[in-house]
Protein backbone atom coordinates (compact mmCIF):
# COMPACT_ATOMS: atom_id res chain seq x y z
CA MET A 1 -26.53 -58.87 37.29
CA LEU A 2 -24.42 -61.85 36.29
CA PHE A 3 -21.97 -60.98 39.06
CA LEU A 4 -24.80 -61.17 41.61
CA VAL A 5 -25.93 -64.56 40.30
CA VAL A 6 -22.42 -65.97 40.57
CA ALA A 7 -21.88 -64.46 44.03
CA LEU A 8 -25.16 -65.85 45.35
CA PHE A 9 -24.43 -69.22 43.78
CA LEU A 10 -21.03 -69.42 45.48
CA PHE A 11 -22.47 -68.22 48.79
CA GLY A 12 -25.23 -70.83 48.56
CA VAL A 13 -22.79 -73.62 47.81
CA LEU A 14 -20.49 -72.69 50.66
CA MET A 15 -22.99 -71.87 53.39
CA GLY A 16 -26.60 -72.52 52.42
CA THR A 17 -28.97 -75.27 51.44
CA ALA A 18 -27.02 -75.80 48.23
CA GLY A 19 -24.20 -77.12 50.41
CA HIS A 20 -26.38 -80.05 51.42
CA VAL A 21 -27.37 -81.24 47.96
CA PRO A 22 -25.12 -82.84 45.34
CA VAL A 23 -23.08 -80.48 43.17
CA PRO A 24 -24.80 -81.50 39.89
CA VAL A 25 -28.20 -80.58 41.36
CA THR A 26 -26.85 -77.21 42.43
CA VAL A 27 -25.35 -76.58 38.98
CA VAL A 28 -28.61 -77.49 37.23
CA ALA A 29 -30.57 -75.19 39.54
CA GLY A 30 -28.08 -72.38 38.90
CA LEU A 31 -28.33 -72.87 35.14
CA ALA A 32 -32.13 -72.81 35.36
CA ILE A 33 -31.98 -69.49 37.22
CA VAL A 34 -29.54 -68.04 34.68
CA ALA A 35 -31.81 -69.17 31.81
CA TRP A 36 -34.84 -67.58 33.46
CA LEU A 37 -32.93 -64.33 33.99
CA ALA A 38 -31.79 -64.34 30.35
CA VAL A 39 -35.38 -64.79 29.12
CA PHE A 40 -36.61 -62.06 31.46
CA PHE A 41 -33.84 -59.69 30.36
CA THR A 42 -34.58 -60.33 26.68
CA LYS A 43 -38.31 -59.75 27.12
CA GLU A 44 -37.77 -56.52 29.03
CA ARG A 45 -35.23 -55.30 26.49
CA ARG A 46 -37.63 -55.93 23.60
CA LYS A 47 -40.47 -54.28 25.49
CA ALA A 48 -38.33 -51.19 26.19
CA ALA A 49 -37.22 -51.00 22.55
CA LYS A 50 -40.84 -51.22 21.37
CA GLU A 51 -42.01 -48.47 23.73
CA GLY A 52 -39.03 -46.26 22.91
CA GLY A 53 -39.74 -46.45 19.19
CA ARG A 54 -43.18 -44.83 19.42
């Protein structure tokens, strides 16, 4: 999943809307997406562990 995030980030910087905004804004947006994915992954992992333990 991390590979996809990095690939989409690079693609966006080179060709998309991210190419038209300053680099720091793009980096902050990328970090926000990575943080959201990490929270989502953690929640799903805990949920799966809880359900598997029953």
